[in-house]
């Protein structure tokens, strides 16, 4: 796919992500189109058929999950500081699953899909955005890509921090993201499954958010050397 064609498809997807109540309806039509099966959007296309744990994801493959996530995200996007960044992060949050999904000891896993996903999201956006500024987001191309890819990188931290797991990168989370945006993308991710327990999910998101708020306050109280902690979505 030529870069001009990629930019055209990026703009088309952006329009539906921002305007549609259920952007999954449009995204599902793209599965039959050759341009969506071509680099760089093939990275999204490959979510179709990527297996997930039936216990945690009874909705089926990673594509089905992603479609549920973007529809959930569309309902809360106005709560985000930047709805264009938020919706693209929702669409790309599991882009790392096709290349990381394995069966280990009889279980379907996708270890490090968040880290791999950050790199792939960056690659897809670098190629498909040919302009210096992303108008719908009111950000430079560089800022937009950083903000989207950092949310992809840290979307699993709602689980890692909430359950005190050893996989978190708390300094990176505090420096590169707005924890409120991570909480929102985490909410959409958790709600994007057919087994979602809305009450429990809200409790888990609030738990994550309050932990991070306390930690950020401690960092800020330590003094000037921690002033590198920024909000990249503002």
C-alpha atoms as a PDB file:
ATOM      1  CA  UNK A   1       0.000   0.000   0.000  1.00  0.00           C
ATOM      2  CA  UNK A   2       1.342   3.400  -0.974  1.00  0.00           C
ATOM      3  CA  UNK A   3       1.646   5.893   1.865  1.00  0.00           C
ATOM      4  CA  UNK A   4      -0.973   8.168   0.279  1.00  0.00           C
ATOM      5  CA  UNK A   5      -3.405   5.239   0.260  1.00  0.00           C
ATOM      6  CA  UNK A   6      -2.538   4.453   3.867  1.00  0.00           C
ATOM      7  CA  UNK A   7      -3.225   8.066   4.844  1.00  0.00           C
ATOM      8  CA  UNK A   8      -6.582   7.873   3.080  1.00  0.00           C
ATOM      9  CA  UNK A   9      -7.568   4.734   5.006  1.00  0.00           C
ATOM     10  CA  UNK A  10      -6.284   6.230   8.264  1.00  0.00           C
ATOM     11  CA  UNK A  11      -8.502   9.290   7.708  1.00  0.00           C
ATOM     12  CA  UNK A  12     -11.474   7.078   6.889  1.00  0.00           C
ATOM     13  CA  UNK A  13     -11.021   4.999  10.021  1.00  0.00           C
ATOM     14  CA  UNK A  14     -10.535   8.142  12.107  1.00  0.00           C
ATOM     15  CA  UNK A  15     -13.838   9.537  10.864  1.00  0.00           C
ATOM     16  CA  UNK A  16     -15.751   6.413  11.884  1.00  0.00           C
ATOM     17  CA  UNK A  17     -13.991   6.096  15.230  1.00  0.00           C
ATOM     18  CA  UNK A  18     -15.002   9.633  16.138  1.00  0.00           C
ATOM     19  CA  UNK A  19     -18.465   9.800  14.613  1.00  0.00           C
ATOM     20  CA  UNK A  20     -20.021   6.323  14.838  1.00  0.00           C
ATOM     21  CA  UNK A  21     -21.922   5.077  17.853  1.00  0.00           C
ATOM     22  CA  UNK A  22     -20.736   1.541  16.970  1.00  0.00           C
ATOM     23  CA  UNK A  23     -17.525   1.906  14.912  1.00  0.00           C
ATOM     24  CA  UNK A  24     -17.230  -1.892  14.821  1.00  0.00           C
ATOM     25  CA  UNK A  25     -19.893  -1.973  12.106  1.00  0.00           C
ATOM     26  CA  UNK A  26     -17.611  -0.077   9.734  1.00  0.00           C
ATOM     27  CA  UNK A  27     -14.452  -1.901  10.847  1.00  0.00           C
ATOM     28  CA  UNK A  28     -16.058  -5.276  10.125  1.00  0.00           C
ATOM     29  CA  UNK A  29     -16.688  -4.215   6.514  1.00  0.00           C
ATOM     30  CA  UNK A  30     -12.945  -3.615   6.099  1.00  0.00           C
ATOM     31  CA  UNK A  31     -12.154  -7.290   6.709  1.00  0.00           C
ATOM     32  CA  UNK A  32     -13.233  -8.101   3.147  1.00  0.00           C
ATOM     33  CA  UNK A  33     -11.158  -5.328   1.570  1.00  0.00           C
ATOM     34  CA  UNK A  34      -7.719  -5.985   0.113  1.00  0.00           C
ATOM     35  CA  UNK A  35      -6.380  -2.640   1.306  1.00  0.00           C
ATOM     36  CA  UNK A  36      -6.989  -3.695   4.916  1.00  0.00           C
ATOM     37  CA  UNK A  37      -5.085  -6.929   4.326  1.00  0.00           C
ATOM     38  CA  UNK A  38      -2.061  -4.978   3.092  1.00  0.00           C
ATOM     39  CA  UNK A  39       0.783  -3.403   5.093  1.00  0.00           C
ATOM     40  CA  UNK A  40       0.479  -1.660   7.488  1.00  0.00           C
ATOM     41  CA  UNK A  41      -3.183  -2.380   8.294  1.00  0.00           C
ATOM     42  CA  UNK A  42      -2.589  -6.109   7.952  1.00  0.00           C
ATOM     43  CA  UNK A  43      -1.309  -5.831  11.539  1.00  0.00           C
ATOM     44  CA  UNK A  44      -4.904  -5.135  12.572  1.00  0.00           C
ATOM     45  CA  UNK A  45      -6.386  -7.633  10.126  1.00  0.00           C
ATOM     46  CA  UNK A  46      -4.345 -10.405  11.771  1.00  0.00           C
ATOM     47  CA  UNK A  47      -6.332  -9.977  14.982  1.00  0.00           C
ATOM     48  CA  UNK A  48      -8.990 -12.000  13.167  1.00  0.00           C
ATOM     49  CA  UNK A  49      -8.371 -15.612  14.053  1.00  0.00           C
ATOM     50  CA  UNK A  50      -5.956 -14.837  16.892  1.00  0.00           C
ATOM     51  CA  UNK A  51      -7.181 -17.074  19.701  1.00  0.00           C
ATOM     52  CA  UNK A  52      -7.769 -15.929  23.269  1.00  0.00           C
ATOM     53  CA  UNK A  53      -8.461 -17.700  26.546  1.00  0.00           C
ATOM     54  CA  UNK A  54     -12.128 -18.782  26.455  1.00  0.00           C
ATOM     55  CA  UNK A  55     -12.282 -18.206  30.212  1.00  0.00           C
ATOM     56  CA  UNK A  56     -11.355 -14.527  30.032  1.00  0.00           C
ATOM     57  CA  UNK A  57     -12.592 -13.921  26.489  1.00  0.00           C
ATOM     58  CA  UNK A  58     -15.705 -15.973  25.712  1.00  0.00           C
ATOM     59  CA  UNK A  59     -16.470 -13.500  22.901  1.00  0.00           C
ATOM     60  CA  UNK A  60     -13.904 -15.297  20.733  1.00  0.00           C
ATOM     61  CA  UNK A  61     -10.816 -14.105  18.906  1.00  0.00           C
ATOM     62  CA  UNK A  62      -8.833 -10.897  19.414  1.00  0.00           C
ATOM     63  CA  UNK A  63     -10.727  -9.175  16.593  1.00  0.00           C
ATOM     64  CA  UNK A  64     -14.097  -9.798  18.257  1.00  0.00           C
ATOM     65  CA  UNK A  65     -12.696  -8.442  21.514  1.00  0.00           C
ATOM     66  CA  UNK A  66     -11.271  -5.345  19.831  1.00  0.00           C
ATOM     67  CA  UNK A  67     -14.599  -4.607  18.177  1.00  0.00           C
ATOM     68  CA  UNK A  68     -16.366  -4.764  21.547  1.00  0.00           C
ATOM     69  CA  UNK A  69     -13.682  -2.508  23.023  1.00  0.00           C
ATOM     70  CA  UNK A  70     -14.009   0.232  20.397  1.00  0.00           C
ATOM     71  CA  UNK A  71     -17.789   0.213  20.773  1.00  0.00           C
ATOM     72  CA  UNK A  72     -17.393   0.604  24.540  1.00  0.00           C
ATOM     73  CA  UNK A  73     -14.758   3.297  23.999  1.00  0.00           C
ATOM     74  CA  UNK A  74     -17.093   5.188  21.662  1.00  0.00           C
ATOM     75  CA  UNK A  75     -19.578   5.531  24.525  1.00  0.00           C
ATOM     76  CA  UNK A  76     -17.051   7.164  26.874  1.00  0.00           C
ATOM     77  CA  UNK A  77     -14.694   8.963  24.466  1.00  0.00           C
ATOM     78  CA  UNK A  78     -15.889  12.399  25.537  1.00  0.00           C
ATOM     79  CA  UNK A  79     -14.526  11.676  29.009  1.00  0.00           C
ATOM     80  CA  UNK A  80     -11.066  11.478  27.473  1.00  0.00           C
ATOM     81  CA  UNK A  81      -8.801  14.493  27.153  1.00  0.00           C
ATOM     82  CA  UNK A  82      -8.333  13.669  23.479  1.00  0.00           C
ATOM     83  CA  UNK A  83     -10.960  11.444  21.856  1.00  0.00           C
ATOM     84  CA  UNK A  84      -8.891  10.814  18.710  1.00  0.00           C
ATOM     85  CA  UNK A  85      -5.927   9.523  20.727  1.00  0.00           C
ATOM     86  CA  UNK A  86      -8.255   7.500  22.947  1.00  0.00           C
ATOM     87  CA  UNK A  87     -10.139   5.816  20.106  1.00  0.00           C
ATOM     88  CA  UNK A  88      -6.976   4.876  18.207  1.00  0.00           C
ATOM     89  CA  UNK A  89      -5.489   3.451  21.406  1.00  0.00           C
ATOM     90  CA  UNK A  90      -8.661   1.382  21.854  1.00  0.00           C
ATOM     91  CA  UNK A  91      -8.394   0.101  18.286  1.00  0.00           C
ATOM     92  CA  UNK A  92      -4.681  -0.730  18.538  1.00  0.00           C
ATOM     93  CA  UNK A  93      -4.462  -1.854  22.170  1.00  0.00           C
ATOM     94  CA  UNK A  94      -4.097  -5.587  21.333  1.00  0.00           C
ATOM     95  CA  UNK A  95      -2.218  -5.244  18.044  1.00  0.00           C
ATOM     96  CA  UNK A  96       0.642  -7.174  19.659  1.00  0.00           C
ATOM     97  CA  UNK A  97      -1.419 -10.322  20.228  1.00  0.00           C
ATOM     98  CA  UNK A  98      -1.074 -12.021  16.810  1.00  0.00           C
ATOM     99  CA  UNK A  99       2.714 -12.258  17.133  1.00  0.00           C
ATOM    100  CA  UNK A 100       2.824 -13.112  20.848  1.00  0.00           C
ATOM    101  CA  UNK A 101      -0.023 -15.607  21.246  1.00  0.00           C
ATOM    102  CA  UNK A 102       1.172 -19.077  22.216  1.00  0.00           C
ATOM    103  CA  UNK A 103      -0.245 -22.181  23.866  1.00  0.00           C
ATOM    104  CA  UNK A 104       1.711 -22.835  27.042  1.00  0.00           C
ATOM    105  CA  UNK A 105       0.870 -25.816  29.224  1.00  0.00           C
ATOM    106  CA  UNK A 106      -2.533 -26.050  27.575  1.00  0.00           C
ATOM    107  CA  UNK A 107      -3.352 -22.368  28.101  1.00  0.00           C
ATOM    108  CA  UNK A 108      -3.592 -19.608  25.476  1.00  0.00           C
ATOM    109  CA  UNK A 109      -1.252 -16.769  26.442  1.00  0.00           C
ATOM    110  CA  UNK A 110      -0.055 -13.520  24.891  1.00  0.00           C
ATOM    111  CA  UNK A 111       2.805 -12.477  27.147  1.00  0.00           C
ATOM    112  CA  UNK A 112       4.305  -9.047  26.423  1.00  0.00           C
ATOM    113  CA  UNK A 113       1.644  -8.183  23.845  1.00  0.00           C
ATOM    114  CA  UNK A 114       1.509  -4.718  25.409  1.00  0.00           C
ATOM    115  CA  UNK A 115       5.228  -4.104  24.825  1.00  0.00           C
ATOM    116  CA  UNK A 116       5.174  -5.570  21.315  1.00  0.00           C
ATOM    117  CA  UNK A 117       1.950  -3.693  20.661  1.00  0.00           C
ATOM    118  CA  UNK A 118       3.564  -0.348  21.436  1.00  0.00           C
ATOM    119  CA  UNK A 119       6.174  -0.930  18.738  1.00  0.00           C
ATOM    120  CA  UNK A 120       3.639  -2.149  16.166  1.00  0.00           C
ATOM    121  CA  UNK A 121       1.219   0.704  16.879  1.00  0.00           C
ATOM    122  CA  UNK A 122       4.068   3.147  16.369  1.00  0.00           C
ATOM    123  CA  UNK A 123       5.019   1.439  13.097  1.00  0.00           C
ATOM    124  CA  UNK A 124       1.459   1.413  11.746  1.00  0.00           C
ATOM    125  CA  UNK A 125       0.887   5.067  12.585  1.00  0.00           C
ATOM    126  CA  UNK A 126       4.293   6.234  11.352  1.00  0.00           C
ATOM    127  CA  UNK A 127       3.537   4.767   7.938  1.00  0.00           C
ATOM    128  CA  UNK A 128      -0.126   5.668   7.643  1.00  0.00           C
ATOM    129  CA  UNK A 129       0.154   9.301   8.796  1.00  0.00           C
ATOM    130  CA  UNK A 130       1.945  11.286   6.109  1.00  0.00           C
ATOM    131  CA  UNK A 131       1.041  14.768   7.313  1.00  0.00           C
ATOM    132  CA  UNK A 132       2.981  16.657   9.963  1.00  0.00           C
ATOM    133  CA  UNK A 133      -0.146  17.310  12.019  1.00  0.00           C
ATOM    134  CA  UNK A 134      -3.127  15.145  12.954  1.00  0.00           C
ATOM    135  CA  UNK A 135      -5.935  17.669  12.662  1.00  0.00           C
ATOM    136  CA  UNK A 136      -8.675  15.720  14.438  1.00  0.00           C
ATOM    137  CA  UNK A 137      -6.404  15.336  17.460  1.00  0.00           C
ATOM    138  CA  UNK A 138      -4.931  18.841  17.255  1.00  0.00           C
ATOM    139  CA  UNK A 139      -1.497  17.304  17.772  1.00  0.00           C
ATOM    140  CA  UNK A 140       1.663  16.945  15.742  1.00  0.00           C
ATOM    141  CA  UNK A 141       2.212  13.542  14.155  1.00  0.00           C
ATOM    142  CA  UNK A 142       4.982  12.857  16.691  1.00  0.00           C
ATOM    143  CA  UNK A 143       2.797  13.773  19.680  1.00  0.00           C
ATOM    144  CA  UNK A 144      -0.152  11.757  18.408  1.00  0.00           C
ATOM    145  CA  UNK A 145       1.940   8.629  17.859  1.00  0.00           C
ATOM    146  CA  UNK A 146       3.595   8.930  21.270  1.00  0.00           C
ATOM    147  CA  UNK A 147       0.288   9.381  23.068  1.00  0.00           C
ATOM    148  CA  UNK A 148      -1.436   6.471  21.309  1.00  0.00           C
ATOM    149  CA  UNK A 149       1.490   4.067  21.573  1.00  0.00           C
ATOM    150  CA  UNK A 150       2.060   4.857  25.261  1.00  0.00           C
ATOM    151  CA  UNK A 151      -1.570   3.977  26.041  1.00  0.00           C
ATOM    152  CA  UNK A 152      -1.105   0.716  24.137  1.00  0.00           C
ATOM    153  CA  UNK A 153       2.067   0.063  26.144  1.00  0.00           C
ATOM    154  CA  UNK A 154       0.431   0.670  29.531  1.00  0.00           C
ATOM    155  CA  UNK A 155      -3.132  -0.566  29.005  1.00  0.00           C
ATOM    156  CA  UNK A 156      -2.410  -3.752  30.995  1.00  0.00           C
ATOM    157  CA  UNK A 157      -1.236  -1.777  34.030  1.00  0.00           C
ATOM    158  CA  UNK A 158      -4.779  -1.615  35.384  1.00  0.00           C
ATOM    159  CA  UNK A 159      -4.324  -5.342  36.041  1.00  0.00           C
ATOM    160  CA  UNK A 160      -0.605  -5.246  36.929  1.00  0.00           C
ATOM    161  CA  UNK A 161      -0.933  -2.498  39.517  1.00  0.00           C
ATOM    162  CA  UNK A 162      -4.395  -3.402  40.756  1.00  0.00           C
ATOM    163  CA  UNK A 163      -3.245  -6.934  41.578  1.00  0.00           C
ATOM    164  CA  UNK A 164       0.306  -5.909  42.545  1.00  0.00           C
ATOM    165  CA  UNK A 165       1.860  -8.098  39.835  1.00  0.00           C
ATOM    166  CA  UNK A 166       5.606  -7.902  39.089  1.00  0.00           C
ATOM    167  CA  UNK A 167       5.195  -6.891  35.428  1.00  0.00           C
ATOM    168  CA  UNK A 168       4.554  -3.180  35.915  1.00  0.00           C
ATOM    169  CA  UNK A 169       6.712  -0.244  34.882  1.00  0.00           C
ATOM    170  CA  UNK A 170       5.432   2.354  37.322  1.00  0.00           C
ATOM    171  CA  UNK A 171       8.029   5.066  36.547  1.00  0.00           C
ATOM    172  CA  UNK A 172       7.264   4.779  32.822  1.00  0.00           C
ATOM    173  CA  UNK A 173       3.530   4.866  33.476  1.00  0.00           C
ATOM    174  CA  UNK A 174       3.858   8.042  35.555  1.00  0.00           C
ATOM    175  CA  UNK A 175       6.183   9.777  33.105  1.00  0.00           C
ATOM    176  CA  UNK A 176       4.619   8.868  29.779  1.00  0.00           C
ATOM    177  CA  UNK A 177       0.884   8.752  30.393  1.00  0.00           C
ATOM    178  CA  UNK A 178      -2.023  10.428  32.078  1.00  0.00           C
ATOM    179  CA  UNK A 179      -3.242   7.795  34.554  1.00  0.00           C
ATOM    180  CA  UNK A 180      -6.825   8.910  34.011  1.00  0.00           C
ATOM    181  CA  UNK A 181      -6.487   8.012  30.314  1.00  0.00           C
ATOM    182  CA  UNK A 182      -5.008   4.626  31.218  1.00  0.00           C
ATOM    183  CA  UNK A 183      -7.952   4.053  33.553  1.00  0.00           C
ATOM    184  CA  UNK A 184     -10.383   4.875  30.733  1.00  0.00           C
ATOM    185  CA  UNK A 185      -8.689   2.581  28.216  1.00  0.00           C
ATOM    186  CA  UNK A 186      -8.530  -0.105  30.902  1.00  0.00           C
ATOM    187  CA  UNK A 187     -12.248   0.257  31.497  1.00  0.00           C
ATOM    188  CA  UNK A 188     -13.063  -0.102  27.776  1.00  0.00           C
ATOM    189  CA  UNK A 189     -10.723  -3.097  27.546  1.00  0.00           C
ATOM    190  CA  UNK A 190     -12.315  -4.877  30.499  1.00  0.00           C
ATOM    191  CA  UNK A 191     -15.838  -4.070  29.316  1.00  0.00           C
ATOM    192  CA  UNK A 192     -15.076  -5.373  25.826  1.00  0.00           C
ATOM    193  CA  UNK A 193     -15.937  -8.980  26.656  1.00  0.00           C
ATOM    194  CA  UNK A 194     -19.152 -10.908  26.870  1.00  0.00           C
ATOM    195  CA  UNK A 195     -18.443 -11.909  30.490  1.00  0.00           C
ATOM    196  CA  UNK A 196     -17.960  -8.354  31.766  1.00  0.00           C
ATOM    197  CA  UNK A 197     -19.054  -7.580  35.324  1.00  0.00           C
ATOM    198  CA  UNK A 198     -19.629  -3.813  35.174  1.00  0.00           C
ATOM    199  CA  UNK A 199     -19.758  -3.331  38.955  1.00  0.00           C
ATOM    200  CA  UNK A 200     -16.522  -5.240  39.620  1.00  0.00           C
ATOM    201  CA  UNK A 201     -14.765  -3.552  36.714  1.00  0.00           C
ATOM    202  CA  UNK A 202     -15.604  -0.091  38.048  1.00  0.00           C
ATOM    203  CA  UNK A 203     -14.250  -1.091  41.467  1.00  0.00           C
ATOM    204  CA  UNK A 204     -11.019  -2.397  39.890  1.00  0.00           C
ATOM    205  CA  UNK A 205     -10.540   0.759  37.814  1.00  0.00           C
ATOM    206  CA  UNK A 206     -11.101   3.002  40.840  1.00  0.00           C
ATOM    207  CA  UNK A 207      -8.630   0.879  42.834  1.00  0.00           C
ATOM    208  CA  UNK A 208      -5.965   1.285  40.133  1.00  0.00           C
ATOM    209  CA  UNK A 209      -6.602   5.018  39.829  1.00  0.00           C
ATOM    210  CA  UNK A 210      -6.338   5.707  43.553  1.00  0.00           C
ATOM    211  CA  UNK A 211      -3.104   3.703  43.872  1.00  0.00           C
ATOM    212  CA  UNK A 212      -1.556   5.689  41.020  1.00  0.00           C
ATOM    213  CA  UNK A 213      -2.781   9.016  42.384  1.00  0.00           C
ATOM    214  CA  UNK A 214      -1.116   8.284  45.734  1.00  0.00           C
ATOM    215  CA  UNK A 215       2.132   7.253  44.081  1.00  0.00           C
ATOM    216  CA  UNK A 216       2.177  10.300  41.809  1.00  0.00           C
ATOM    217  CA  UNK A 217       1.608  12.591  44.787  1.00  0.00           C
ATOM    218  CA  UNK A 218       4.573  11.020  46.611  1.00  0.00           C
ATOM    219  CA  UNK A 219       6.757  11.529  43.527  1.00  0.00           C
ATOM    220  CA  UNK A 220       5.753  15.177  43.232  1.00  0.00           C
ATOM    221  CA  UNK A 221       6.440  15.767  46.932  1.00  0.00           C
ATOM    222  CA  UNK A 222      10.017  14.533  46.573  1.00  0.00           C
ATOM    223  CA  UNK A 223      11.038  17.699  44.762  1.00  0.00           C
ATOM    224  CA  UNK A 224      12.385  19.291  41.564  1.00  0.00           C
ATOM    225  CA  UNK A 225      14.314  16.290  40.248  1.00  0.00           C
ATOM    226  CA  UNK A 226      10.994  14.571  39.592  1.00  0.00           C
ATOM    227  CA  UNK A 227       9.571  17.378  37.487  1.00  0.00           C
ATOM    228  CA  UNK A 228      10.119  15.249  34.384  1.00  0.00           C
ATOM    229  CA  UNK A 229       6.807  13.561  35.180  1.00  0.00           C
ATOM    230  CA  UNK A 230       4.512  14.916  32.501  1.00  0.00           C
ATOM    231  CA  UNK A 231       1.024  14.525  31.148  1.00  0.00           C
ATOM    232  CA  UNK A 232       1.545  13.655  27.492  1.00  0.00           C
ATOM    233  CA  UNK A 233      -2.126  13.872  26.579  1.00  0.00           C
ATOM    234  CA  UNK A 234      -2.597  17.535  27.430  1.00  0.00           C
END
